[in-house]
Protein backbone atom coordinates (compact mmCIF):
# COMPACT_ATOMS: atom_id res chain seq x y z
CA MET A 1 -140.42 -33.64 -15.05
CA ILE A 2 -142.49 -35.47 -13.51
CA SER A 3 -141.67 -36.53 -10.09
CA ALA A 4 -140.46 -40.24 -9.06
CA ALA A 5 -142.92 -39.76 -6.11
CA ARG A 6 -146.15 -38.62 -8.77
CA CYS A 7 -145.44 -41.40 -11.46
CA ARG A 8 -144.40 -44.21 -8.82
CA VAL A 9 -145.22 -47.08 -11.25
CA PHE A 10 -142.51 -46.02 -14.28
CA ALA A 11 -139.17 -46.65 -13.81
CA ALA A 12 -136.69 -43.00 -14.37
CA GLU A 13 -135.51 -43.38 -17.45
CA ALA A 14 -139.30 -43.16 -18.81
CA LEU A 15 -140.48 -40.25 -16.12
CA GLU A 16 -138.77 -37.58 -18.82
CA ALA A 17 -140.34 -39.25 -22.30
CA ASN A 18 -143.04 -39.11 -20.45
CA GLU A 19 -143.55 -35.43 -19.42
CA GLN A 20 -146.16 -34.44 -21.94
CA LEU A 21 -148.36 -36.86 -21.81
CA VAL A 22 -149.01 -36.66 -17.70
CA SER A 23 -148.41 -32.68 -17.92
CA LEU A 24 -151.78 -32.64 -19.97
CA LEU A 25 -153.50 -35.30 -17.86
CA ALA A 26 -152.41 -33.16 -14.76
CA ILE A 27 -153.62 -30.27 -16.01
CA LEU A 28 -157.80 -30.95 -18.09
CA ALA A 29 -157.99 -32.61 -13.83
CA ALA A 30 -157.40 -29.09 -12.21
CA GLU A 31 -159.52 -27.28 -14.77
CA LYS A 32 -162.02 -29.62 -13.54
CA GLY A 33 -161.58 -29.84 -10.38
CA VAL A 34 -160.14 -34.28 -10.85
CA THR A 35 -157.88 -36.40 -11.04
CA SER A 36 -155.66 -36.97 -13.22
CA ALA A 37 -156.15 -40.92 -12.96
CA GLN A 38 -160.88 -40.04 -13.57
CA ILE A 39 -159.16 -37.96 -16.25
CA ALA A 40 -157.45 -40.80 -18.27
CA LEU A 41 -160.13 -43.19 -16.74
CA ALA A 42 -163.01 -41.30 -19.02
CA TRP A 43 -160.69 -40.74 -21.78
CA LEU A 44 -160.97 -45.27 -22.09
CA LEU A 45 -164.24 -45.09 -21.44
CA ALA A 46 -165.11 -41.76 -23.64
CA GLN A 47 -163.65 -44.53 -26.90
CA LYS A 48 -165.82 -47.18 -27.36
CA PRO A 49 -168.99 -47.71 -25.80
CA TRP A 50 -168.09 -51.13 -25.06
CA ILE A 51 -164.40 -50.73 -23.07
CA VAL A 52 -164.72 -50.71 -19.90
CA PRO A 53 -161.46 -49.78 -17.90
CA ILE A 54 -160.61 -52.03 -14.73
CA PRO A 55 -158.87 -49.64 -12.91
CA GLY A 56 -156.66 -51.44 -9.91
CA THR A 57 -156.24 -51.12 -6.25
CA THR A 58 -156.35 -51.26 -2.36
CA LYS A 59 -157.79 -48.50 -1.42
CA LEU A 60 -161.83 -47.40 -0.91
CA HIS A 61 -160.91 -44.39 -2.07
CA ARG A 62 -159.19 -44.68 -5.14
CA LEU A 63 -162.18 -46.86 -6.26
CA GLU A 64 -164.48 -43.97 -5.31
CA GLU A 65 -162.42 -42.23 -7.02
CA ASN A 66 -162.08 -44.47 -9.81
CA LEU A 67 -166.06 -44.26 -10.05
CA GLY A 68 -166.31 -41.08 -10.11
CA ALA A 69 -164.76 -41.33 -13.80
CA ALA A 70 -168.03 -43.43 -14.78
CA ASP A 71 -169.89 -39.10 -14.02
CA LEU A 72 -167.09 -37.30 -16.28
CA ILE A 73 -167.71 -35.86 -19.63
CA LEU A 74 -165.26 -34.57 -20.60
CA SER A 75 -165.32 -32.46 -24.62
CA GLN A 76 -164.90 -33.15 -28.09
CA ASN A 77 -162.02 -31.30 -27.43
CA ASP A 78 -160.70 -32.27 -24.33
CA LEU A 79 -159.92 -35.84 -25.57
CA HIS A 80 -159.20 -34.02 -29.67
CA LYS A 81 -156.52 -32.67 -27.12
CA ILE A 82 -155.21 -36.38 -25.79
CA THR A 83 -155.55 -38.20 -28.28
CA GLN A 84 -153.47 -35.96 -30.08
CA ALA A 85 -150.89 -35.35 -26.81
CA LEU A 86 -150.94 -39.41 -27.31
CA GLU A 87 -150.33 -39.58 -30.33
CA LYS A 88 -147.23 -36.99 -30.05
CA VAL A 89 -145.82 -39.62 -27.38
CA LYS A 90 -143.85 -43.22 -27.45
CA ILE A 91 -144.59 -44.26 -24.14
CA VAL A 92 -141.48 -46.12 -22.88
CA GLY A 93 -140.40 -47.66 -20.17
CA GLU A 94 -142.25 -51.19 -18.79
CA ARG A 95 -144.62 -49.86 -15.67
CA TYR A 96 -141.97 -51.97 -13.39
CA PRO A 97 -138.71 -52.10 -12.68
CA ALA A 98 -137.84 -55.53 -14.15
CA ALA A 99 -137.64 -57.30 -10.79
CA LEU A 100 -141.19 -55.78 -9.97
CA GLN A 101 -142.09 -57.04 -12.99
CA ALA A 102 -140.92 -61.02 -12.26
CA ARG A 103 -144.07 -60.65 -9.76
CA VAL A 104 -147.01 -59.56 -11.64
CA GLY A 105 -149.56 -62.05 -11.91
CA ARG A 106 -148.14 -64.01 -8.74
């Protein structure tokens, strides 16, 4: 089960439904010695040459971590596994609970 600390931005009811995808990203990240965020960003970068992910961060070390995704090359097999997992999982829940979502964009 995904812990709330591991995925603090998802509402509690969404954690179990999204666990399969999060677990796959964690496994691939461990195999490559990178973070799950880097795997996710590298997957996005591999989709189309004009896609530019814009991850938000307030910490310099997270910015540096995110930039590391640009150097990460995922194999066709890795890309296929992630895409298959995405097709099987219906992402459930909002990113933030309603009270926090109301503050987004202010």
